[in-house]
Amino acid sequence: MDIDTLKKRKRELGYSIVQLSENSGIPLGTLQKIFNGETKQPRYETMQALERVLGPKEKPRTYLDALSDIDTLMVSEAALAYGKKRQGEYTLEDYYALPDDQRVELIDGVFYDMAAPRAPHQFAAAEIHRQISTYIMEHRGQCIPFVAPLDVQLDCDDKTMLEPDVGILCDRSKLCNGIIFGAPDFLVEVLSPSTRMKDQGVKLMKYLHAGVRECWMIDTERRSVVTYYFEESPHTVIYGFEDSVPVRIYDGDLRINLSGILPWLEEGEKKL
């Protein structure tokens, strides 16, 4: 990449100079000279470090992308049979009537099967929850961290019940009878082959419209973290597992780094 391309990528990803310095390890003064045009030919090692942070990792999904997936997803899921009702007609009564070992989510009256998560999924979810919990306890925070399985009655109606992988709930009055009523403040979905389209499509849109403040999509295969912060623009920023990813509902004071689980992911992905 040349400097002009790096500048463009910096704008697209919403990085500040300070964030770029933290994620690349390049001194702040060096970056300021590069991006204000004072340094015309940065050192090779500096350019390589910038490309690791600003280079393309995964195209961020927009809300329109998510909307376009919903119709396809509804058609593919419509073949599932749960009693005599049609997809779109199911309620919480049907949800609670299912066998305990049948894991599903209910979204706008539609049932979606949930396959048992694999090791990389669990490693990522557990590590994110651990770092969040440690931060909140060390700072004597009032918010409550949670990890799946925990039911979230997102719309407070009888047509939707979700099970996010990890979350933070700051309004404790929403926790009642062992479930969460309404929108948590922060949610994480770890993508799996069987849930990728649902998580990046219909669930992301539900979170946006319900009032979730921040949502992350974790891709263990691509080693990427796509963050959506719905209270500001630009709202979508992409990070790698080697990055220190700011939790923006805490103004970046809490940062999550997944580099420590990379050896576990490699073990969990080994083929027979």
C-alpha atoms as a PDB file:
ATOM      1  CA  MET A   1       0.000   0.000   0.000  1.00  0.00           C
ATOM      2  CA  ASP A   2       1.076   3.592  -0.626  1.00  0.00           C
ATOM      3  CA  ILE A   3       0.502   6.449   1.826  1.00  0.00           C
ATOM      4  CA  ASP A   4      -2.619   7.719   0.036  1.00  0.00           C
ATOM      5  CA  THR A   5      -4.210   4.265   0.291  1.00  0.00           C
ATOM      6  CA  LEU A   6      -3.321   4.047   3.967  1.00  0.00           C
ATOM      7  CA  LYS A   7      -4.921   7.434   4.576  1.00  0.00           C
ATOM      8  CA  LYS A   8      -8.075   6.280   2.806  1.00  0.00           C
ATOM      9  CA  ARG A   9      -8.206   3.058   4.837  1.00  0.00           C
ATOM     10  CA  LYS A  10      -7.712   5.022   8.044  1.00  0.00           C
ATOM     11  CA  ARG A  11     -10.755   7.157   7.201  1.00  0.00           C
ATOM     12  CA  GLU A  12     -12.852   4.129   6.194  1.00  0.00           C
ATOM     13  CA  LEU A  13     -12.105   2.232   9.413  1.00  0.00           C
ATOM     14  CA  GLY A  14     -12.568   5.263  11.636  1.00  0.00           C
ATOM     15  CA  TYR A  15      -9.173   5.070  13.320  1.00  0.00           C
ATOM     16  CA  SER A  16      -7.813   8.053  15.209  1.00  0.00           C
ATOM     17  CA  ILE A  17      -4.059   8.637  15.262  1.00  0.00           C
ATOM     18  CA  VAL A  18      -3.988   7.519  18.895  1.00  0.00           C
ATOM     19  CA  GLN A  19      -5.830   4.258  18.131  1.00  0.00           C
ATOM     20  CA  LEU A  20      -3.566   3.590  15.172  1.00  0.00           C
ATOM     21  CA  SER A  21      -0.498   4.126  17.341  1.00  0.00           C
ATOM     22  CA  GLU A  22      -1.808   1.737  19.992  1.00  0.00           C
ATOM     23  CA  ASN A  23      -2.715  -0.984  17.482  1.00  0.00           C
ATOM     24  CA  SER A  24       0.399  -0.740  15.299  1.00  0.00           C
ATOM     25  CA  GLY A  25       3.035  -0.006  17.939  1.00  0.00           C
ATOM     26  CA  ILE A  26       4.279   2.980  15.933  1.00  0.00           C
ATOM     27  CA  PRO A  27       5.070   6.105  17.981  1.00  0.00           C
ATOM     28  CA  LEU A  28       2.416   8.813  17.839  1.00  0.00           C
ATOM     29  CA  GLY A  29       4.858  11.423  16.583  1.00  0.00           C
ATOM     30  CA  THR A  30       5.932   9.194  13.687  1.00  0.00           C
ATOM     31  CA  LEU A  31       2.319   8.674  12.612  1.00  0.00           C
ATOM     32  CA  GLN A  32       1.542  12.371  12.770  1.00  0.00           C
ATOM     33  CA  LYS A  33       4.448  13.126  10.451  1.00  0.00           C
ATOM     34  CA  ILE A  34       3.318  10.421   7.996  1.00  0.00           C
ATOM     35  CA  PHE A  35      -0.344  11.440   7.841  1.00  0.00           C
ATOM     36  CA  ASN A  36       0.273  15.195   7.704  1.00  0.00           C
ATOM     37  CA  GLY A  37       2.662  14.695   4.791  1.00  0.00           C
ATOM     38  CA  GLU A  38       5.874  15.674   6.569  1.00  0.00           C
ATOM     39  CA  THR A  39       7.383  12.186   6.103  1.00  0.00           C
ATOM     40  CA  LYS A  40       7.276  11.300   2.407  1.00  0.00           C
ATOM     41  CA  GLN A  41       8.978   7.890   2.513  1.00  0.00           C
ATOM     42  CA  PRO A  42       8.395   6.016   5.790  1.00  0.00           C
ATOM     43  CA  ARG A  43      10.638   3.096   6.698  1.00  0.00           C
ATOM     44  CA  TYR A  44       9.699  -0.318   5.311  1.00  0.00           C
ATOM     45  CA  GLU A  45       9.035  -1.726   8.795  1.00  0.00           C
ATOM     46  CA  THR A  46       6.690   1.188   9.548  1.00  0.00           C
ATOM     47  CA  MET A  47       4.716   0.640   6.346  1.00  0.00           C
ATOM     48  CA  GLN A  48       4.438  -3.083   7.101  1.00  0.00           C
ATOM     49  CA  ALA A  49       3.081  -2.359  10.573  1.00  0.00           C
ATOM     50  CA  LEU A  50       0.511   0.065   9.149  1.00  0.00           C
ATOM     51  CA  GLU A  51      -0.599  -2.437   6.516  1.00  0.00           C
ATOM     52  CA  ARG A  52      -1.166  -5.087   9.187  1.00  0.00           C
ATOM     53  CA  VAL A  53      -3.630  -2.761  10.901  1.00  0.00           C
ATOM     54  CA  LEU A  54      -5.174  -0.953   7.924  1.00  0.00           C
ATOM     55  CA  GLY A  55      -4.993  -3.688   5.298  1.00  0.00           C
ATOM     56  CA  PRO A  56      -8.231  -5.366   4.174  1.00  0.00           C
ATOM     57  CA  LYS A  57      -9.352  -8.135   6.535  1.00  0.00           C
ATOM     58  CA  GLU A  58     -13.050  -8.436   5.916  1.00  0.00           C
ATOM     59  CA  LYS A  59     -15.508  -6.168   4.186  1.00  0.00           C
ATOM     60  CA  PRO A  60     -17.689  -4.617   6.878  1.00  0.00           C
ATOM     61  CA  ARG A  61     -21.338  -5.482   6.606  1.00  0.00           C
ATOM     62  CA  THR A  62     -23.779  -2.606   6.378  1.00  0.00           C
ATOM     63  CA  TYR A  63     -27.340  -2.595   7.610  1.00  0.00           C
ATOM     64  CA  LEU A  64     -28.524  -2.931   4.003  1.00  0.00           C
ATOM     65  CA  ASP A  65     -26.400  -6.075   3.660  1.00  0.00           C
ATOM     66  CA  ALA A  66     -28.115  -7.459   6.730  1.00  0.00           C
ATOM     67  CA  LEU A  67     -31.561  -6.640   5.400  1.00  0.00           C
ATOM     68  CA  SER A  68     -30.836  -8.367   2.096  1.00  0.00           C
ATOM     69  CA  ASP A  69     -30.055 -11.600   3.933  1.00  0.00           C
ATOM     70  CA  ILE A  70     -33.312 -11.788   5.832  1.00  0.00           C
ATOM     71  CA  ASP A  71     -35.548 -13.015   2.985  1.00  0.00           C
ATOM     72  CA  THR A  72     -33.045 -15.731   2.016  1.00  0.00           C
ATOM     73  CA  LEU A  73     -32.722 -16.835   5.605  1.00  0.00           C
ATOM     74  CA  MET A  74     -36.486 -16.953   6.157  1.00  0.00           C
ATOM     75  CA  VAL A  75     -36.938 -19.201   3.115  1.00  0.00           C
ATOM     76  CA  SER A  76     -34.187 -21.610   4.172  1.00  0.00           C
ATOM     77  CA  GLU A  77     -35.525 -21.853   7.712  1.00  0.00           C
ATOM     78  CA  ALA A  78     -39.173 -22.192   6.680  1.00  0.00           C
ATOM     79  CA  ALA A  79     -38.754 -25.912   6.101  1.00  0.00           C
ATOM     80  CA  LEU A  80     -38.273 -26.518   9.827  1.00  0.00           C
ATOM     81  CA  ALA A  81     -41.340 -28.012  11.489  1.00  0.00           C
ATOM     82  CA  TYR A  82     -42.383 -27.214  15.037  1.00  0.00           C
ATOM     83  CA  GLY A  83     -45.878 -28.521  15.545  1.00  0.00           C
ATOM     84  CA  LYS A  84     -48.759 -27.430  13.348  1.00  0.00           C
ATOM     85  CA  LYS A  85     -48.068 -23.713  13.090  1.00  0.00           C
ATOM     86  CA  ARG A  86     -46.306 -22.022  10.226  1.00  0.00           C
ATOM     87  CA  GLN A  87     -43.071 -20.088  10.583  1.00  0.00           C
ATOM     88  CA  GLY A  88     -43.912 -16.576  11.720  1.00  0.00           C
ATOM     89  CA  GLU A  89     -46.796 -17.735  13.909  1.00  0.00           C
ATOM     90  CA  TYR A  90     -44.880 -19.169  16.866  1.00  0.00           C
ATOM     91  CA  THR A  91     -44.925 -17.555  20.324  1.00  0.00           C
ATOM     92  CA  LEU A  92     -43.138 -17.923  23.637  1.00  0.00           C
ATOM     93  CA  GLU A  93     -45.700 -20.561  24.603  1.00  0.00           C
ATOM     94  CA  ASP A  94     -44.358 -22.732  21.773  1.00  0.00           C
ATOM     95  CA  TYR A  95     -40.786 -21.838  22.722  1.00  0.00           C
ATOM     96  CA  TYR A  96     -41.201 -23.031  26.303  1.00  0.00           C
ATOM     97  CA  ALA A  97     -43.003 -26.176  25.141  1.00  0.00           C
ATOM     98  CA  LEU A  98     -39.954 -27.439  23.228  1.00  0.00           C
ATOM     99  CA  PRO A  99     -37.788 -30.189  24.764  1.00  0.00           C
ATOM    100  CA  ASP A 100     -34.955 -28.879  26.945  1.00  0.00           C
ATOM    101  CA  ASP A 101     -32.327 -30.400  24.656  1.00  0.00           C
ATOM    102  CA  GLN A 102     -33.653 -28.616  21.546  1.00  0.00           C
ATOM    103  CA  ARG A 103     -31.728 -25.342  21.232  1.00  0.00           C
ATOM    104  CA  VAL A 104     -33.518 -22.708  19.176  1.00  0.00           C
ATOM    105  CA  GLU A 105     -34.012 -18.972  18.972  1.00  0.00           C
ATOM    106  CA  LEU A 106     -37.393 -17.362  18.314  1.00  0.00           C
ATOM    107  CA  ILE A 107     -37.309 -14.231  16.160  1.00  0.00           C
ATOM    108  CA  ASP A 108     -40.540 -12.527  15.128  1.00  0.00           C
ATOM    109  CA  GLY A 109     -42.439 -15.792  15.393  1.00  0.00           C
ATOM    110  CA  VAL A 110     -39.850 -17.817  13.441  1.00  0.00           C
ATOM    111  CA  PHE A 111     -37.861 -20.660  15.003  1.00  0.00           C
ATOM    112  CA  TYR A 112     -34.158 -20.955  14.125  1.00  0.00           C
ATOM    113  CA  ASP A 113     -32.210 -24.061  15.050  1.00  0.00           C
ATOM    114  CA  MET A 114     -28.967 -23.618  16.997  1.00  0.00           C
ATOM    115  CA  ALA A 115     -26.303 -26.251  16.472  1.00  0.00           C
ATOM    116  CA  ALA A 116     -24.017 -27.115  19.379  1.00  0.00           C
ATOM    117  CA  PRO A 117     -21.050 -24.687  19.321  1.00  0.00           C
ATOM    118  CA  ARG A 118     -17.576 -25.984  18.450  1.00  0.00           C
ATOM    119  CA  ALA A 119     -14.382 -25.442  20.406  1.00  0.00           C
ATOM    120  CA  PRO A 120     -13.157 -22.204  18.691  1.00  0.00           C
ATOM    121  CA  HIS A 121     -16.554 -20.620  19.297  1.00  0.00           C
ATOM    122  CA  GLN A 122     -16.432 -21.481  22.986  1.00  0.00           C
ATOM    123  CA  PHE A 123     -12.814 -20.391  23.413  1.00  0.00           C
ATOM    124  CA  ALA A 124     -13.601 -16.927  21.994  1.00  0.00           C
ATOM    125  CA  ALA A 125     -16.853 -16.436  23.910  1.00  0.00           C
ATOM    126  CA  ALA A 126     -15.330 -17.569  27.206  1.00  0.00           C
ATOM    127  CA  GLU A 127     -12.264 -15.328  26.855  1.00  0.00           C
ATOM    128  CA  ILE A 128     -14.319 -12.247  25.997  1.00  0.00           C
ATOM    129  CA  HIS A 129     -16.600 -12.898  28.968  1.00  0.00           C
ATOM    130  CA  ARG A 130     -13.578 -13.409  31.244  1.00  0.00           C
ATOM    131  CA  GLN A 131     -11.982 -10.096  30.286  1.00  0.00           C
ATOM    132  CA  ILE A 132     -15.255  -8.189  30.614  1.00  0.00           C
ATOM    133  CA  SER A 133     -16.050  -9.764  33.992  1.00  0.00           C
ATOM    134  CA  THR A 134     -12.552  -9.039  35.312  1.00  0.00           C
ATOM    135  CA  TYR A 135     -12.809  -5.386  34.278  1.00  0.00           C
ATOM    136  CA  ILE A 136     -16.247  -4.873  35.827  1.00  0.00           C
ATOM    137  CA  MET A 137     -15.299  -6.548  39.110  1.00  0.00           C
ATOM    138  CA  GLU A 138     -11.976  -4.702  39.388  1.00  0.00           C
ATOM    139  CA  HIS A 139     -13.742  -1.376  38.829  1.00  0.00           C
ATOM    140  CA  ARG A 140     -16.690  -2.288  41.074  1.00  0.00           C
ATOM    141  CA  GLY A 141     -18.995  -1.625  38.150  1.00  0.00           C
ATOM    142  CA  GLN A 142     -22.757  -1.812  38.347  1.00  0.00           C
ATOM    143  CA  CYS A 143     -23.223  -3.517  34.976  1.00  0.00           C
ATOM    144  CA  ILE A 144     -23.684  -7.288  34.810  1.00  0.00           C
ATOM    145  CA  PRO A 145     -21.724  -9.448  32.328  1.00  0.00           C
ATOM    146  CA  PHE A 146     -23.424 -12.573  31.041  1.00  0.00           C
ATOM    147  CA  VAL A 147     -22.690 -15.491  28.734  1.00  0.00           C
ATOM    148  CA  ALA A 148     -24.922 -17.959  26.868  1.00  0.00           C
ATOM    149  CA  PRO A 149     -27.124 -19.749  27.485  1.00  0.00           C
ATOM    150  CA  LEU A 150     -29.285 -16.939  28.860  1.00  0.00           C
ATOM    151  CA  ASP A 151     -32.638 -15.956  27.349  1.00  0.00           C
ATOM    152  CA  VAL A 152     -33.062 -12.350  26.218  1.00  0.00           C
ATOM    153  CA  GLN A 153     -36.663 -11.316  25.526  1.00  0.00           C
ATOM    154  CA  LEU A 154     -35.401  -8.514  23.329  1.00  0.00           C
ATOM    155  CA  ASP A 155     -38.673  -6.849  22.288  1.00  0.00           C
ATOM    156  CA  CYS A 156     -40.565  -7.648  25.505  1.00  0.00           C
ATOM    157  CA  ASP A 157     -43.251  -9.332  23.404  1.00  0.00           C
ATOM    158  CA  ASP A 158     -44.220 -12.981  22.926  1.00  0.00           C
ATOM    159  CA  LYS A 159     -42.654 -13.395  19.461  1.00  0.00           C
ATOM    160  CA  THR A 160     -38.902 -13.104  20.098  1.00  0.00           C
ATOM    161  CA  MET A 161     -36.430 -14.813  22.436  1.00  0.00           C
ATOM    162  CA  LEU A 162     -32.715 -14.628  21.677  1.00  0.00           C
ATOM    163  CA  GLU A 163     -29.574 -16.146  23.146  1.00  0.00           C
ATOM    164  CA  PRO A 164     -26.535 -13.900  22.522  1.00  0.00           C
ATOM    165  CA  ASP A 165     -23.115 -15.425  23.147  1.00  0.00           C
ATOM    166  CA  VAL A 166     -21.834 -12.704  25.494  1.00  0.00           C
ATOM    167  CA  GLY A 167     -23.344  -9.482  26.796  1.00  0.00           C
ATOM    168  CA  ILE A 168     -23.311  -6.620  29.263  1.00  0.00           C
ATOM    169  CA  LEU A 169     -26.485  -5.424  30.983  1.00  0.00           C
ATOM    170  CA  CYS A 170     -26.320  -2.083  32.815  1.00  0.00           C
ATOM    171  CA  ASP A 171     -30.016  -1.612  33.638  1.00  0.00           C
ATOM    172  CA  ARG A 172     -30.446  -4.258  36.324  1.00  0.00           C
ATOM    173  CA  SER A 173     -34.216  -3.785  36.388  1.00  0.00           C
ATOM    174  CA  LYS A 174     -34.318  -5.664  33.057  1.00  0.00           C
ATOM    175  CA  LEU A 175     -33.119  -8.864  34.762  1.00  0.00           C
ATOM    176  CA  CYS A 176     -36.150 -10.667  36.156  1.00  0.00           C
ATOM    177  CA  ASN A 177     -37.211 -14.290  36.642  1.00  0.00           C
ATOM    178  CA  GLY A 178     -33.846 -15.442  35.357  1.00  0.00           C
ATOM    179  CA  ILE A 179     -34.088 -13.791  31.928  1.00  0.00           C
ATOM    180  CA  ILE A 180     -33.408 -10.356  30.442  1.00  0.00           C
ATOM    181  CA  PHE A 181     -36.368  -8.241  29.308  1.00  0.00           C
ATOM    182  CA  GLY A 182     -35.359  -5.648  26.731  1.00  0.00           C
ATOM    183  CA  ALA A 183     -32.092  -4.621  25.129  1.00  0.00           C
ATOM    184  CA  PRO A 184     -28.726  -5.186  26.850  1.00  0.00           C
ATOM    185  CA  ASP A 185     -26.115  -2.477  26.350  1.00  0.00           C
ATOM    186  CA  PHE A 186     -23.431  -4.613  24.688  1.00  0.00           C
ATOM    187  CA  LEU A 187     -23.692  -7.922  22.829  1.00  0.00           C
ATOM    188  CA  VAL A 188     -21.238 -10.300  21.179  1.00  0.00           C
ATOM    189  CA  GLU A 189     -22.021 -12.965  18.596  1.00  0.00           C
ATOM    190  CA  VAL A 190     -19.322 -15.513  17.757  1.00  0.00           C
ATOM    191  CA  LEU A 191     -20.019 -16.629  14.199  1.00  0.00           C
ATOM    192  CA  SER A 192     -20.491 -20.295  13.365  1.00  0.00           C
ATOM    193  CA  PRO A 193     -21.148 -21.858   9.936  1.00  0.00           C
ATOM    194  CA  SER A 194     -24.737 -22.655  10.928  1.00  0.00           C
ATOM    195  CA  THR A 195     -25.516 -19.221  12.415  1.00  0.00           C
ATOM    196  CA  ARG A 196     -23.387 -16.808  10.378  1.00  0.00           C
ATOM    197  CA  MET A 197     -26.187 -15.573   8.109  1.00  0.00           C
ATOM    198  CA  LYS A 198     -28.669 -15.233  10.964  1.00  0.00           C
ATOM    199  CA  ASP A 199     -26.228 -13.418  13.257  1.00  0.00           C
ATOM    200  CA  GLN A 200     -25.035 -10.965  10.597  1.00  0.00           C
ATOM    201  CA  GLY A 201     -28.512 -10.471   9.184  1.00  0.00           C
ATOM    202  CA  VAL A 202     -31.728 -10.667  11.124  1.00  0.00           C
ATOM    203  CA  LYS A 203     -30.161 -10.632  14.612  1.00  0.00           C
ATOM    204  CA  LEU A 204     -27.979  -7.604  13.884  1.00  0.00           C
ATOM    205  CA  MET A 205     -31.044  -5.708  12.683  1.00  0.00           C
ATOM    206  CA  LYS A 206     -33.032  -6.753  15.741  1.00  0.00           C
ATOM    207  CA  TYR A 207     -30.259  -5.499  18.015  1.00  0.00           C
ATOM    208  CA  LEU A 208     -30.102  -2.161  16.191  1.00  0.00           C
ATOM    209  CA  HIS A 209     -33.832  -1.491  16.361  1.00  0.00           C
ATOM    210  CA  ALA A 210     -34.230  -2.743  19.941  1.00  0.00           C
ATOM    211  CA  GLY A 211     -31.739  -0.198  21.291  1.00  0.00           C
ATOM    212  CA  VAL A 212     -28.578  -2.266  21.844  1.00  0.00           C
ATOM    213  CA  ARG A 213     -25.768   0.286  22.053  1.00  0.00           C
ATOM    214  CA  GLU A 214     -22.866  -1.825  20.774  1.00  0.00           C
ATOM    215  CA  CYS A 215     -22.566  -5.203  19.047  1.00  0.00           C
ATOM    216  CA  TRP A 216     -19.537  -7.271  17.982  1.00  0.00           C
ATOM    217  CA  MET A 217     -19.324 -10.069  15.420  1.00  0.00           C
ATOM    218  CA  ILE A 218     -16.389 -12.415  16.103  1.00  0.00           C
ATOM    219  CA  ASP A 219     -15.077 -14.510  13.219  1.00  0.00           C
ATOM    220  CA  THR A 220     -12.686 -17.156  14.548  1.00  0.00           C
ATOM    221  CA  GLU A 221     -11.848 -18.368  11.028  1.00  0.00           C
ATOM    222  CA  ARG A 222     -10.791 -14.955   9.727  1.00  0.00           C
ATOM    223  CA  ARG A 223      -9.478 -13.881  13.148  1.00  0.00           C
ATOM    224  CA  SER A 224     -11.505 -10.677  12.888  1.00  0.00           C
ATOM    225  CA  VAL A 225     -13.683  -8.581  15.186  1.00  0.00           C
ATOM    226  CA  VAL A 226     -16.302  -6.442  13.421  1.00  0.00           C
ATOM    227  CA  THR A 227     -17.658  -3.845  15.848  1.00  0.00           C
ATOM    228  CA  TYR A 228     -20.906  -1.900  15.476  1.00  0.00           C
ATOM    229  CA  TYR A 229     -21.416   1.120  17.719  1.00  0.00           C
ATOM    230  CA  PHE A 230     -24.913   2.340  17.022  1.00  0.00           C
ATOM    231  CA  GLU A 231     -24.612   5.641  18.921  1.00  0.00           C
ATOM    232  CA  GLU A 232     -21.969   7.256  16.722  1.00  0.00           C
ATOM    233  CA  SER A 233     -20.783   7.446  13.141  1.00  0.00           C
ATOM    234  CA  PRO A 234     -18.721   5.814  11.737  1.00  0.00           C
ATOM    235  CA  HIS A 235     -20.367   2.913  13.484  1.00  0.00           C
ATOM    236  CA  THR A 236     -18.456  -0.025  11.943  1.00  0.00           C
ATOM    237  CA  VAL A 237     -14.781  -0.731  12.665  1.00  0.00           C
ATOM    238  CA  ILE A 238     -12.851  -3.950  11.927  1.00  0.00           C
ATOM    239  CA  TYR A 239     -10.040  -5.296  14.095  1.00  0.00           C
ATOM    240  CA  GLY A 240      -7.857  -8.385  14.146  1.00  0.00           C
ATOM    241  CA  PHE A 241      -7.338 -10.778  17.043  1.00  0.00           C
ATOM    242  CA  GLU A 242      -3.912  -9.217  17.564  1.00  0.00           C
ATOM    243  CA  ASP A 243      -5.515  -5.822  18.214  1.00  0.00           C
ATOM    244  CA  SER A 244      -6.627  -4.357  21.515  1.00  0.00           C
ATOM    245  CA  VAL A 245     -10.295  -3.736  20.715  1.00  0.00           C
ATOM    246  CA  PRO A 246     -12.006  -0.910  22.651  1.00  0.00           C
ATOM    247  CA  VAL A 247     -15.417  -1.485  24.195  1.00  0.00           C
ATOM    248  CA  ARG A 248     -16.961   1.836  23.279  1.00  0.00           C
ATOM    249  CA  ILE A 249     -19.754   1.818  25.851  1.00  0.00           C
ATOM    250  CA  TYR A 250     -16.858   2.213  28.314  1.00  0.00           C
ATOM    251  CA  ASP A 251     -15.232   4.915  26.150  1.00  0.00           C
ATOM    252  CA  GLY A 252     -12.421   2.494  25.286  1.00  0.00           C
ATOM    253  CA  ASP A 253     -11.227   2.148  28.881  1.00  0.00           C
ATOM    254  CA  LEU A 254     -12.063  -1.552  28.597  1.00  0.00           C
ATOM    255  CA  ARG A 255     -10.170  -3.257  25.772  1.00  0.00           C
ATOM    256  CA  ILE A 256     -10.417  -6.867  24.656  1.00  0.00           C
ATOM    257  CA  ASN A 257      -7.451  -8.712  23.174  1.00  0.00           C
ATOM    258  CA  LEU A 258      -7.877 -12.231  21.767  1.00  0.00           C
ATOM    259  CA  SER A 259      -4.264 -12.944  20.814  1.00  0.00           C
ATOM    260  CA  GLY A 260      -3.871 -15.187  23.871  1.00  0.00           C
ATOM    261  CA  ILE A 261      -6.368 -17.744  22.550  1.00  0.00           C
ATOM    262  CA  LEU A 262      -4.764 -18.102  19.111  1.00  0.00           C
ATOM    263  CA  PRO A 263      -2.921 -21.332  20.096  1.00  0.00           C
ATOM    264  CA  TRP A 264      -6.206 -22.759  21.404  1.00  0.00           C
ATOM    265  CA  LEU A 265      -7.959 -21.894  18.148  1.00  0.00           C
ATOM    266  CA  GLU A 266      -5.284 -23.702  16.162  1.00  0.00           C
ATOM    267  CA  GLU A 267      -5.774 -26.794  18.323  1.00  0.00           C
ATOM    268  CA  GLY A 268      -9.536 -26.578  18.015  1.00  0.00           C
ATOM    269  CA  GLU A 269      -9.350 -26.303  14.228  1.00  0.00           C
ATOM    270  CA  LYS A 270      -7.091 -29.318  13.661  1.00  0.00           C
ATOM    271  CA  LYS A 271      -8.424 -31.927  11.238  1.00  0.00           C
ATOM    272  CA  LEU A 272      -8.324 -35.673  11.858  1.00  0.00           C
END
